[in-house]
PDB file of N, CA and C in Angstrom:
ATOM      1  N   ASN A   1      54.533 -73.431  84.147  1.00  0.00           N
ATOM      2  CA  ASN A   1      53.716 -71.689  83.706  1.00  0.00           C
ATOM      3  C   ASN A   1      53.067 -71.677  84.375  1.00  0.00           C
ATOM      4  N   SER A   2      52.339 -70.884  85.015  1.00  0.00           N
ATOM      5  CA  SER A   2      50.880 -70.678  85.171  1.00  0.00           C
ATOM      6  C   SER A   2      51.171 -68.636  85.459  1.00  0.00           C
ATOM      7  N   SER A   3      50.018 -68.275  84.785  1.00  0.00           N
ATOM      8  CA  SER A   3      49.798 -66.865  84.788  1.00  0.00           C
ATOM      9  C   SER A   3      48.261 -66.237  85.428  1.00  0.00           C
ATOM     10  N   ILE A   4      48.587 -65.104  85.850  1.00  0.00           N
ATOM     11  CA  ILE A   4      47.078 -65.457  86.813  1.00  0.00           C
ATOM     12  C   ILE A   4      46.997 -63.362  86.067  1.00  0.00           C
ATOM     13  N   LYS A   5      45.586 -62.861  85.482  1.00  0.00           N
ATOM     14  CA  LYS A   5      45.786 -61.615  84.841  1.00  0.00           C
ATOM     15  C   LYS A   5      44.429 -61.319  85.689  1.00  0.00           C
ATOM     16  N   ILE A   6      44.187 -59.906  85.621  1.00  0.00           N
ATOM     17  CA  ILE A   6      42.784 -59.471  86.148  1.00  0.00           C
ATOM     18  C   ILE A   6      42.274 -59.439  85.021  1.00  0.00           C
ATOM     19  N   SER A   7      40.963 -59.845  84.858  1.00  0.00           N
ATOM     20  CA  SER A   7      39.825 -60.185  83.486  1.00  0.00           C
ATOM     21  C   SER A   7      38.890 -59.217  83.848  1.00  0.00           C
ATOM     22  N   GLY A   8      38.215 -58.803  82.382  1.00  0.00           N
ATOM     23  CA  GLY A   8      37.096 -58.047  82.513  1.00  0.00           C
ATOM     24  C   GLY A   8      37.162 -56.589  82.082  1.00  0.00           C
ATOM     25  N   MET A   9      36.571 -55.991  81.656  1.00  0.00           N
ATOM     26  CA  MET A   9      36.834 -54.430  81.198  1.00  0.00           C
ATOM     27  C   MET A   9      35.867 -53.565  82.411  1.00  0.00           C
ATOM     28  N   LEU A  10      34.668 -53.642  82.385  1.00  0.00           N
ATOM     29  CA  LEU A  10      33.979 -52.315  83.398  1.00  0.00           C
ATOM     30  C   LEU A  10      34.258 -53.187  84.942  1.00  0.00           C
ATOM     31  N   SER A  11      34.136 -54.364  84.935  1.00  0.00           N
ATOM     32  CA  SER A  11      34.451 -54.970  86.229  1.00  0.00           C
ATOM     33  C   SER A  11      35.873 -54.832  86.799  1.00  0.00           C
ATOM     34  N   ARG A  12      36.778 -53.994  86.379  1.00  0.00           N
ATOM     35  CA  ARG A  12      38.071 -53.788  86.662  1.00  0.00           C
ATOM     36  C   ARG A  12      38.050 -52.572  87.398  1.00  0.00           C
ATOM     37  N   LEU A  13      36.907 -51.463  87.168  1.00  0.00           N
ATOM     38  CA  LEU A  13      36.463 -50.689  87.934  1.00  0.00           C
ATOM     39  C   LEU A  13      36.369 -50.792  89.699  1.00  0.00           C
ATOM     40  N   ASN A  14      35.520 -52.455  89.524  1.00  0.00           N
ATOM     41  CA  ASN A  14      34.915 -52.933  90.686  1.00  0.00           C
ATOM     42  C   ASN A  14      36.085 -52.996  92.075  1.00  0.00           C
ATOM     43  N   LYS A  15      35.822 -52.818  93.130  1.00  0.00           N
ATOM     44  CA  LYS A  15      36.729 -53.189  94.416  1.00  0.00           C
ATOM     45  C   LYS A  15      37.069 -54.321  94.266  1.00  0.00           C
ATOM     46  N   LYS A  16      36.254 -55.609  94.238  1.00  0.00           N
ATOM     47  CA  LYS A  16      36.381 -57.026  93.852  1.00  0.00           C
ATOM     48  C   LYS A  16      36.498 -57.576  92.479  1.00  0.00           C
ATOM     49  N   VAL A  17      37.812 -57.762  91.937  1.00  0.00           N
ATOM     50  CA  VAL A  17      37.652 -57.730  90.638  1.00  0.00           C
ATOM     51  C   VAL A  17      38.068 -59.304  90.186  1.00  0.00           C
ATOM     52  N   GLY A  18      37.361 -59.748  89.073  1.00  0.00           N
ATOM     53  CA  GLY A  18      37.726 -61.181  88.336  1.00  0.00           C
ATOM     54  C   GLY A  18      39.385 -61.443  87.937  1.00  0.00           C
ATOM     55  N   TYR A  19      39.484 -62.492  87.441  1.00  0.00           N
ATOM     56  CA  TYR A  19      40.744 -62.962  87.251  1.00  0.00           C
ATOM     57  C   TYR A  19      40.867 -64.337  86.427  1.00  0.00           C
ATOM     58  N   ASN A  20      41.493 -64.113  85.128  1.00  0.00           N
ATOM     59  CA  ASN A  20      41.798 -65.378  84.401  1.00  0.00           C
ATOM     60  C   ASN A  20      43.373 -65.995  84.785  1.00  0.00           C
ATOM     61  N   LEU A  21      43.311 -67.282  84.667  1.00  0.00           N
ATOM     62  CA  LEU A  21      44.426 -68.252  84.837  1.00  0.00           C
ATOM     63  C   LEU A  21      44.433 -69.020  83.553  1.00  0.00           C
ATOM     64  N   LYS A  22      45.528 -69.200  83.582  1.00  0.00           N
ATOM     65  CA  LYS A  22      46.013 -69.368  82.597  1.00  0.00           C
ATOM     66  C   LYS A  22      47.326 -70.253  83.451  1.00  0.00           C
ATOM     67  N   HIS A  23      47.401 -71.575  82.596  1.00  0.00           N
ATOM     68  CA  HIS A  23      48.214 -72.949  82.883  1.00  0.00           C
ATOM     69  C   HIS A  23      49.047 -73.502  81.644  1.00  0.00           C
ATOM     70  N   SER A  24      50.024 -73.731  81.958  1.00  0.00           N
ATOM     71  CA  SER A  24      50.911 -74.485  80.605  1.00  0.00           C
ATOM     72  C   SER A  24      50.198 -76.104  80.500  1.00  0.00           C
ATOM     73  N   ARG A  25      50.118 -76.625  81.491  1.00  0.00           N
ATOM     74  CA  ARG A  25      49.855 -77.973  82.115  1.00  0.00           C
ATOM     75  C   ARG A  25      48.610 -77.755  82.101  1.00  0.00           C
ATOM     76  N   ASP A  26      47.819 -79.353  81.870  1.00  0.00           N
ATOM     77  CA  ASP A  26      46.279 -78.958  81.715  1.00  0.00           C
ATOM     78  C   ASP A  26      46.026 -79.436  83.776  1.00  0.00           C
ATOM     79  N   LEU A  27      45.178 -78.580  83.787  1.00  0.00           N
ATOM     80  CA  LEU A  27      44.823 -78.485  85.289  1.00  0.00           C
ATOM     81  C   LEU A  27      43.488 -79.073  85.174  1.00  0.00           C
ATOM     82  N   PHE A  28      42.635 -80.534  85.589  1.00  0.00           N
ATOM     83  CA  PHE A  28      41.298 -81.014  85.509  1.00  0.00           C
ATOM     84  C   PHE A  28      41.179 -80.899  84.112  1.00  0.00           C
ATOM     85  N   GLU A  29      42.121 -81.245  83.364  1.00  0.00           N
ATOM     86  CA  GLU A  29      41.966 -81.796  81.951  1.00  0.00           C
ATOM     87  C   GLU A  29      41.918 -80.609  80.858  1.00  0.00           C
ATOM     88  N   ARG A  30      41.763 -79.098  81.569  1.00  0.00           N
ATOM     89  CA  ARG A  30      41.963 -77.637  80.994  1.00  0.00           C
ATOM     90  C   ARG A  30      42.820 -77.084  81.042  1.00  0.00           C
ATOM     91  N   LYS A  31      43.472 -75.575  80.517  1.00  0.00           N
ATOM     92  CA  LYS A  31      44.216 -74.800  81.039  1.00  0.00           C
ATOM     93  C   LYS A  31      43.830 -73.789  81.216  1.00  0.00           C
ATOM     94  N   ASN A  32      42.722 -73.077  81.005  1.00  0.00           N
ATOM     95  CA  ASN A  32      42.348 -71.812  80.790  1.00  0.00           C
ATOM     96  C   ASN A  32      41.062 -71.679  81.731  1.00  0.00           C
ATOM     97  N   TYR A  33      41.139 -70.581  83.048  1.00  0.00           N
ATOM     98  CA  TYR A  33      39.825 -70.994  84.047  1.00  0.00           C
ATOM     99  C   TYR A  33      39.784 -69.456  83.914  1.00  0.00           C
ATOM    100  N   LYS A  34      39.018 -69.002  84.815  1.00  0.00           N
ATOM    101  CA  LYS A  34      38.250 -67.981  85.200  1.00  0.00           C
ATOM    102  C   LYS A  34      38.019 -67.638  86.518  1.00  0.00           C
ATOM    103  N   LEU A  35      38.073 -66.638  87.751  1.00  0.00           N
ATOM    104  CA  LEU A  35      37.763 -66.767  88.918  1.00  0.00           C
ATOM    105  C   LEU A  35      36.811 -65.558  88.723  1.00  0.00           C
ATOM    106  N   ARG A  36      35.306 -65.802  88.908  1.00  0.00           N
ATOM    107  CA  ARG A  36      34.311 -64.365  88.674  1.00  0.00           C
ATOM    108  C   ARG A  36      33.879 -64.141  89.592  1.00  0.00           C
ATOM    109  N   ALA A  37      34.129 -62.498  89.869  1.00  0.00           N
ATOM    110  CA  ALA A  37      34.324 -61.807  91.330  1.00  0.00           C
ATOM    111  C   ALA A  37      32.726 -61.894  91.718  1.00  0.00           C
ATOM    112  N   GLU A  38      31.526 -62.048  90.740  1.00  0.00           N
ATOM    113  CA  GLU A  38      30.175 -61.675  90.612  1.00  0.00           C
ATOM    114  C   GLU A  38      30.081 -60.607  91.802  1.00  0.00           C
ATOM    115  N   PHE A  39      30.613 -59.194  91.800  1.00  0.00           N
ATOM    116  CA  PHE A  39      30.618 -58.287  92.774  1.00  0.00           C
ATOM    117  C   PHE A  39      28.989 -57.701  92.648  1.00  0.00           C
ATOM    118  N   ASN A  40      28.139 -58.145  91.693  1.00  0.00           N
ATOM    119  CA  ASN A  40      26.353 -57.598  91.793  1.00  0.00           C
ATOM    120  C   ASN A  40      26.100 -58.571  91.884  1.00  0.00           C
ATOM    121  N   GLU A  41      26.251 -59.722  92.363  1.00  0.00           N
ATOM    122  CA  GLU A  41      25.249 -61.065  92.750  1.00  0.00           C
ATOM    123  C   GLU A  41      25.722 -61.722  94.033  1.00  0.00           C
ATOM    124  N   TYR A  42      25.334 -61.041  95.153  1.00  0.00           N
ATOM    125  CA  TYR A  42      25.452 -61.579  96.518  1.00  0.00           C
ATOM    126  C   TYR A  42      25.082 -62.814  96.722  1.00  0.00           C
ATOM    127  N   THR A  43      24.331 -63.310  96.637  1.00  0.00           N
ATOM    128  CA  THR A  43      24.087 -64.655  96.740  1.00  0.00           C
ATOM    129  C   THR A  43      25.199 -66.152  96.343  1.00  0.00           C
ATOM    130  N   TYR A  44      26.083 -65.694  95.254  1.00  0.00           N
ATOM    131  CA  TYR A  44      26.761 -66.058  94.509  1.00  0.00           C
ATOM    132  C   TYR A  44      26.494 -67.491  93.563  1.00  0.00           C
ATOM    133  N   MET A  45      24.946 -67.447  93.407  1.00  0.00           N
ATOM    134  CA  MET A  45      24.295 -68.413  93.298  1.00  0.00           C
ATOM    135  C   MET A  45      23.898 -68.766  91.702  1.00  0.00           C
ATOM    136  N   ARG A  46      23.932 -67.371  90.951  1.00  0.00           N
ATOM    137  CA  ARG A  46      22.926 -67.310  89.944  1.00  0.00           C
ATOM    138  C   ARG A  46      24.100 -68.133  88.323  1.00  0.00           C
ATOM    139  N   GLN A  47      25.118 -67.745  88.443  1.00  0.00           N
ATOM    140  CA  GLN A  47      25.743 -68.416  87.350  1.00  0.00           C
ATOM    141  C   GLN A  47      25.963 -69.767  87.382  1.00  0.00           C
ATOM    142  N   ASN A  48      26.628 -70.095  88.865  1.00  0.00           N
ATOM    143  CA  ASN A  48      27.119 -71.275  88.913  1.00  0.00           C
ATOM    144  C   ASN A  48      25.568 -72.479  89.066  1.00  0.00           C
ATOM    145  N   LEU A  49      24.157 -72.052  89.353  1.00  0.00           N
ATOM    146  CA  LEU A  49      23.266 -72.687  89.270  1.00  0.00           C
ATOM    147  C   LEU A  49      23.129 -72.712  87.740  1.00  0.00           C
ATOM    148  N   SER A  50      22.932 -71.646  86.805  1.00  0.00           N
ATOM    149  CA  SER A  50      22.602 -71.764  85.594  1.00  0.00           C
ATOM    150  C   SER A  50      23.530 -72.772  84.589  1.00  0.00           C
ATOM    151  N   TYR A  51      24.726 -73.025  85.273  1.00  0.00           N
ATOM    152  CA  TYR A  51      25.468 -73.640  84.327  1.00  0.00           C
ATOM    153  C   TYR A  51      25.091 -75.417  84.618  1.00  0.00           C
ATOM    154  N   ASP A  52      24.742 -75.656  86.098  1.00  0.00           N
ATOM    155  CA  ASP A  52      24.507 -76.724  86.670  1.00  0.00           C
ATOM    156  C   ASP A  52      23.428 -77.452  85.905  1.00  0.00           C
ATOM    157  N   ILE A  53      22.260 -76.440  85.768  1.00  0.00           N
ATOM    158  CA  ILE A  53      20.792 -76.523  84.795  1.00  0.00           C
ATOM    159  C   ILE A  53      21.007 -76.895  83.628  1.00  0.00           C
ATOM    160  N   MET A  54      21.725 -76.363  83.474  1.00  0.00           N
ATOM    161  CA  MET A  54      22.583 -76.966  81.423  1.00  0.00           C
ATOM    162  C   MET A  54      22.984 -78.280  81.560  1.00  0.00           C
ATOM    163  N   ASN A  55      23.820 -78.307  82.563  1.00  0.00           N
ATOM    164  CA  ASN A  55      24.541 -79.496  82.682  1.00  0.00           C
ATOM    165  C   ASN A  55      23.987 -80.913  82.875  1.00  0.00           C
ATOM    166  N   ARG A  56      22.908 -80.507  83.917  1.00  0.00           N
ATOM    167  CA  ARG A  56      22.064 -81.601  84.338  1.00  0.00           C
ATOM    168  C   ARG A  56      20.929 -81.851  83.884  1.00  0.00           C
ATOM    169  N   SER A  57      20.582 -80.838  82.299  1.00  0.00           N
ATOM    170  CA  SER A  57      19.296 -81.415  81.578  1.00  0.00           C
ATOM    171  C   SER A  57      20.153 -81.561  79.935  1.00  0.00           C
ATOM    172  N   GLY A  58      21.151 -82.023  80.032  1.00  0.00           N
ATOM    173  CA  GLY A  58      22.238 -82.734  78.519  1.00  0.00           C
ATOM    174  C   GLY A  58      22.411 -81.555  77.566  1.00  0.00           C
ATOM    175  N   LYS A  59      21.910 -80.438  77.882  1.00  0.00           N
ATOM    176  CA  LYS A  59      22.727 -78.960  77.229  1.00  0.00           C
ATOM    177  C   LYS A  59      24.015 -79.411  77.464  1.00  0.00           C
ATOM    178  N   PRO A  60      24.984 -78.678  76.238  1.00  0.00           N
ATOM    179  CA  PRO A  60      26.283 -78.309  76.569  1.00  0.00           C
ATOM    180  C   PRO A  60      26.734 -77.302  76.976  1.00  0.00           C
ATOM    181  N   SER A  61      27.598 -77.413  78.211  1.00  0.00           N
ATOM    182  CA  SER A  61      27.953 -76.176  79.160  1.00  0.00           C
ATOM    183  C   SER A  61      29.176 -76.152  79.779  1.00  0.00           C
ATOM    184  N   ILE A  62      29.733 -75.531  80.493  1.00  0.00           N
ATOM    185  CA  ILE A  62      30.846 -75.673  80.839  1.00  0.00           C
ATOM    186  C   ILE A  62      30.643 -75.877  82.057  1.00  0.00           C
ATOM    187  N   GLN A  63      31.629 -75.896  82.847  1.00  0.00           N
ATOM    188  CA  GLN A  63      31.450 -76.634  84.213  1.00  0.00           C
ATOM    189  C   GLN A  63      31.935 -75.166  85.234  1.00  0.00           C
ATOM    190  N   ALA A  64      31.393 -75.171  86.443  1.00  0.00           N
ATOM    191  CA  ALA A  64      31.618 -73.849  87.453  1.00  0.00           C
ATOM    192  C   ALA A  64      31.290 -74.631  88.916  1.00  0.00           C
ATOM    193  N   THR A  65      32.041 -73.886  89.974  1.00  0.00           N
ATOM    194  CA  THR A  65      31.881 -73.963  91.093  1.00  0.00           C
ATOM    195  C   THR A  65      32.010 -73.254  92.143  1.00  0.00           C
ATOM    196  N   PHE A  66      31.805 -73.362  93.282  1.00  0.00           N
ATOM    197  CA  PHE A  66      32.555 -72.076  93.976  1.00  0.00           C
ATOM    198  C   PHE A  66      33.724 -71.904  94.473  1.00  0.00           C
ATOM    199  N   SER A  67      34.293 -70.948  94.993  1.00  0.00           N
ATOM    200  CA  SER A  67      35.593 -71.001  95.549  1.00  0.00           C
ATOM    201  C   SER A  67      35.995 -70.266  96.254  1.00  0.00           C
ATOM    202  N   ARG A  68      37.256 -70.358  96.962  1.00  0.00           N
ATOM    203  CA  ARG A  68      37.781 -69.519  97.985  1.00  0.00           C
ATOM    204  C   ARG A  68      38.975 -68.903  97.509  1.00  0.00           C
ATOM    205  N   PHE A  69      39.611 -67.755  97.378  1.00  0.00           N
ATOM    206  CA  PHE A  69      40.446 -67.568  96.855  1.00  0.00           C
ATOM    207  C   PHE A  69      41.204 -67.086  97.771  1.00  0.00           C
ATOM    208  N   THR A  70      42.625 -67.384  97.730  1.00  0.00           N
ATOM    209  CA  THR A  70      43.707 -67.083  98.769  1.00  0.00           C
ATOM    210  C   THR A  70      45.581 -67.135  98.119  1.00  0.00           C
ATOM    211  N   ILE A  71      45.653 -66.060  98.245  1.00  0.00           N
ATOM    212  CA  ILE A  71      47.253 -66.036  97.759  1.00  0.00           C
ATOM    213  C   ILE A  71      47.989 -65.582  98.968  1.00  0.00           C
ATOM    214  N   ASN A  72      49.225 -66.350  99.032  1.00  0.00           N
ATOM    215  CA  ASN A  72      49.741 -66.537 100.096  1.00  0.00           C
ATOM    216  C   ASN A  72      49.378 -66.173 101.442  1.00  0.00           C
ATOM    217  N   ASP A  73      48.492 -67.366 101.783  1.00  0.00           N
ATOM    218  CA  ASP A  73      47.582 -67.310 103.073  1.00  0.00           C
ATOM    219  C   ASP A  73      46.568 -65.835 103.343  1.00  0.00           C
ATOM    220  N   LYS A  74      46.498 -64.885 102.682  1.00  0.00           N
ATOM    221  CA  LYS A  74      45.445 -63.807 102.391  1.00  0.00           C
ATOM    222  C   LYS A  74      44.176 -64.206 101.687  1.00  0.00           C
ATOM    223  N   PHE A  75      43.452 -63.968 102.530  1.00  0.00           N
ATOM    224  CA  PHE A  75      41.794 -64.541 101.571  1.00  0.00           C
ATOM    225  C   PHE A  75      41.359 -63.339 101.082  1.00  0.00           C
ATOM    226  N   LEU A  76      41.540 -63.668  99.971  1.00  0.00           N
ATOM    227  CA  LEU A  76      40.838 -62.465  98.622  1.00  0.00           C
ATOM    228  C   LEU A  76      39.821 -62.316  98.745  1.00  0.00           C
ATOM    229  N   GLY A  77      38.561 -63.473  98.659  1.00  0.00           N
ATOM    230  CA  GLY A  77      37.269 -63.440  98.624  1.00  0.00           C
ATOM    231  C   GLY A  77      36.563 -64.849  98.135  1.00  0.00           C
ATOM    232  N   PHE A  78      35.509 -64.685  98.402  1.00  0.00           N
ATOM    233  CA  PHE A  78      34.598 -66.264  97.649  1.00  0.00           C
ATOM    234  C   PHE A  78      34.485 -65.518  96.376  1.00  0.00           C
ATOM    235  N   TYR A  79      34.568 -66.382  94.995  1.00  0.00           N
ATOM    236  CA  TYR A  79      34.315 -66.422  94.000  1.00  0.00           C
ATOM    237  C   TYR A  79      33.794 -67.776  93.183  1.00  0.00           C
ATOM    238  N   THR A  80      33.358 -67.433  92.013  1.00  0.00           N
ATOM    239  CA  THR A  80      33.008 -68.423  90.870  1.00  0.00           C
ATOM    240  C   THR A  80      33.746 -68.898  90.078  1.00  0.00           C
ATOM    241  N   PHE A  81      34.460 -70.210  90.403  1.00  0.00           N
ATOM    242  CA  PHE A  81      35.351 -70.864  89.338  1.00  0.00           C
ATOM    243  C   PHE A  81      35.195 -71.354  87.952  1.00  0.00           C
ATOM    244  N   ILE A  82      34.816 -70.981  86.885  1.00  0.00           N
ATOM    245  CA  ILE A  82      34.352 -71.480  85.792  1.00  0.00           C
ATOM    246  C   ILE A  82      35.755 -71.561  84.399  1.00  0.00           C
ATOM    247  N   GLU A  83      35.284 -72.927  83.402  1.00  0.00           N
ATOM    248  CA  GLU A  83      36.414 -72.700  82.899  1.00  0.00           C
ATOM    249  C   GLU A  83      36.091 -71.745  81.603  1.00  0.00           C
ATOM    250  N   ALA A  84      37.439 -71.133  81.176  1.00  0.00           N
ATOM    251  CA  ALA A  84      37.071 -70.380  80.016  1.00  0.00           C
ATOM    252  C   ALA A  84      36.409 -71.083  78.840  1.00  0.00           C
ATOM    253  N   PHE A  85      35.696 -70.117  77.972  1.00  0.00           N
ATOM    254  CA  PHE A  85      35.602 -70.659  77.034  1.00  0.00           C
ATOM    255  C   PHE A  85      36.309 -70.144  75.700  1.00  0.00           C
ATOM    256  N   LYS A  86      36.565 -71.517  74.885  1.00  0.00           N
ATOM    257  CA  LYS A  86      37.422 -70.968  73.956  1.00  0.00           C
ATOM    258  C   LYS A  86      36.996 -71.760  72.697  1.00  0.00           C
ATOM    259  N   LEU A  87      37.849 -71.226  71.734  1.00  0.00           N
ATOM    260  CA  LEU A  87      37.278 -72.263  70.275  1.00  0.00           C
ATOM    261  C   LEU A  87      37.202 -73.581  70.666  1.00  0.00           C
ATOM    262  N   HIS A  88      38.456 -74.192  71.144  1.00  0.00           N
ATOM    263  CA  HIS A  88      38.150 -75.860  71.456  1.00  0.00           C
ATOM    264  C   HIS A  88      37.257 -76.300  72.623  1.00  0.00           C
ATOM    265  N   MET A  89      36.788 -75.553  73.011  1.00  0.00           N
ATOM    266  CA  MET A  89      35.841 -75.921  74.077  1.00  0.00           C
ATOM    267  C   MET A  89      34.167 -76.043  73.206  1.00  0.00           C
ATOM    268  N   ILE A  90      34.241 -75.120  72.298  1.00  0.00           N
ATOM    269  CA  ILE A  90      32.973 -75.336  71.279  1.00  0.00           C
ATOM    270  C   ILE A  90      33.210 -76.627  70.555  1.00  0.00           C
ATOM    271  N   LYS A  91      34.163 -77.308  70.051  1.00  0.00           N
ATOM    272  CA  LYS A  91      34.817 -78.261  69.249  1.00  0.00           C
ATOM    273  C   LYS A  91      34.657 -79.475  70.090  1.00  0.00           C
ATOM    274  N   LYS A  92      34.513 -79.522  71.053  1.00  0.00           N
ATOM    275  CA  LYS A  92      34.531 -80.443  72.125  1.00  0.00           C
ATOM    276  C   LYS A  92      32.851 -80.488  72.530  1.00  0.00           C
ATOM    277  N   LEU A  93      32.001 -79.434  72.853  1.00  0.00           N
ATOM    278  CA  LEU A  93      30.780 -79.102  73.281  1.00  0.00           C
ATOM    279  C   LEU A  93      29.907 -79.920  72.476  1.00  0.00           C
ATOM    280  N   PHE A  94      30.220 -79.515  71.118  1.00  0.00           N
ATOM    281  CA  PHE A  94      29.069 -79.649  70.308  1.00  0.00           C
ATOM    282  C   PHE A  94      29.747 -80.420  68.766  1.00  0.00           C
ATOM    283  N   ASN A  95      30.825 -80.938  69.720  1.00  0.00           N
ATOM    284  CA  ASN A  95      31.421 -82.050  68.175  1.00  0.00           C
ATOM    285  C   ASN A  95      31.230 -82.202  67.400  1.00  0.00           C
ATOM    286  N   LEU A  96      31.920 -80.711  66.737  1.00  0.00           N
ATOM    287  CA  LEU A  96      32.193 -79.874  65.681  1.00  0.00           C
ATOM    288  C   LEU A  96      33.662 -80.074  64.937  1.00  0.00           C
ATOM    289  N   GLU A  97      34.159 -80.119  63.393  1.00  0.00           N
ATOM    290  CA  GLU A  97      35.224 -80.138  63.129  1.00  0.00           C
ATOM    291  C   GLU A  97      35.163 -78.676  63.013  1.00  0.00           C
ATOM    292  N   ILE A  98      36.427 -77.794  63.179  1.00  0.00           N
ATOM    293  CA  ILE A  98      36.223 -76.776  63.419  1.00  0.00           C
ATOM    294  C   ILE A  98      37.628 -76.014  62.233  1.00  0.00           C
ATOM    295  N   PRO A  99      36.943 -75.259  61.561  1.00  0.00           N
ATOM    296  CA  PRO A  99      37.823 -75.049  59.937  1.00  0.00           C
ATOM    297  C   PRO A  99      39.216 -74.010  60.498  1.00  0.00           C
ATOM    298  N   LYS A 100      40.209 -73.958  60.329  1.00  0.00           N
ATOM    299  CA  LYS A 100      41.262 -72.826  60.938  1.00  0.00           C
ATOM    300  C   LYS A 100      41.229 -71.614  60.529  1.00  0.00           C
ATOM    301  N   ASP A 101      40.223 -71.149  60.013  1.00  0.00           N
ATOM    302  CA  ASP A 101      40.074 -69.857  59.750  1.00  0.00           C
ATOM    303  C   ASP A 101      38.848 -69.385  60.186  1.00  0.00           C
ATOM    304  N   MET A 102      38.287 -70.248  60.759  1.00  0.00           N
ATOM    305  CA  MET A 102      36.881 -69.832  62.023  1.00  0.00           C
ATOM    306  C   MET A 102      36.994 -68.541  63.025  1.00  0.00           C
ATOM    307  N   ILE A 103      36.234 -67.474  63.165  1.00  0.00           N
ATOM    308  CA  ILE A 103      36.418 -66.596  63.864  1.00  0.00           C
ATOM    309  C   ILE A 103      35.377 -66.774  65.321  1.00  0.00           C
ATOM    310  N   LEU A 104      35.832 -66.634  66.292  1.00  0.00           N
ATOM    311  CA  LEU A 104      34.648 -66.702  67.491  1.00  0.00           C
ATOM    312  C   LEU A 104      34.670 -65.577  67.501  1.00  0.00           C
ATOM    313  N   TYR A 105      33.180 -64.959  68.072  1.00  0.00           N
ATOM    314  CA  TYR A 105      33.141 -63.732  68.331  1.00  0.00           C
ATOM    315  C   TYR A 105      32.221 -63.663  69.546  1.00  0.00           C
ATOM    316  N   GLN A 106      33.268 -62.756  70.559  1.00  0.00           N
ATOM    317  CA  GLN A 106      32.454 -62.255  71.655  1.00  0.00           C
ATOM    318  C   GLN A 106      32.023 -61.318  72.072  1.00  0.00           C
ATOM    319  N   ASN A 107      30.297 -61.000  72.574  1.00  0.00           N
ATOM    320  CA  ASN A 107      29.628 -60.328  73.121  1.00  0.00           C
ATOM    321  C   ASN A 107      30.173 -59.647  73.862  1.00  0.00           C
ATOM    322  N   LYS A 108      30.707 -57.918  73.883  1.00  0.00           N
ATOM    323  CA  LYS A 108      30.994 -57.510  75.228  1.00  0.00           C
ATOM    324  C   LYS A 108      30.232 -56.591  75.397  1.00  0.00           C
TER     325      LYS A 108
END
């Protein structure tokens, strides 16, 4: 089972929207991903480049790559394909033991 939902708050107002992808089984060792529309960044490089720099410098970071998004042979555009940052990612990236009552805050 898989699901796809429109993501973001303000980005929903744009012509090109981002998506959240969720899989019931691991895909590339993960279950949650995001397709970022990068509607205000026309080179599509800034976000991907920042993650590459962090990873190559040895700092914990998520993975990202470029992608072409197509549904039923209809091309919807170029996107940045990234891992969704979840609590289990923090545990893995920082090698932490996370208590069950820990709360992850996200700045929006």
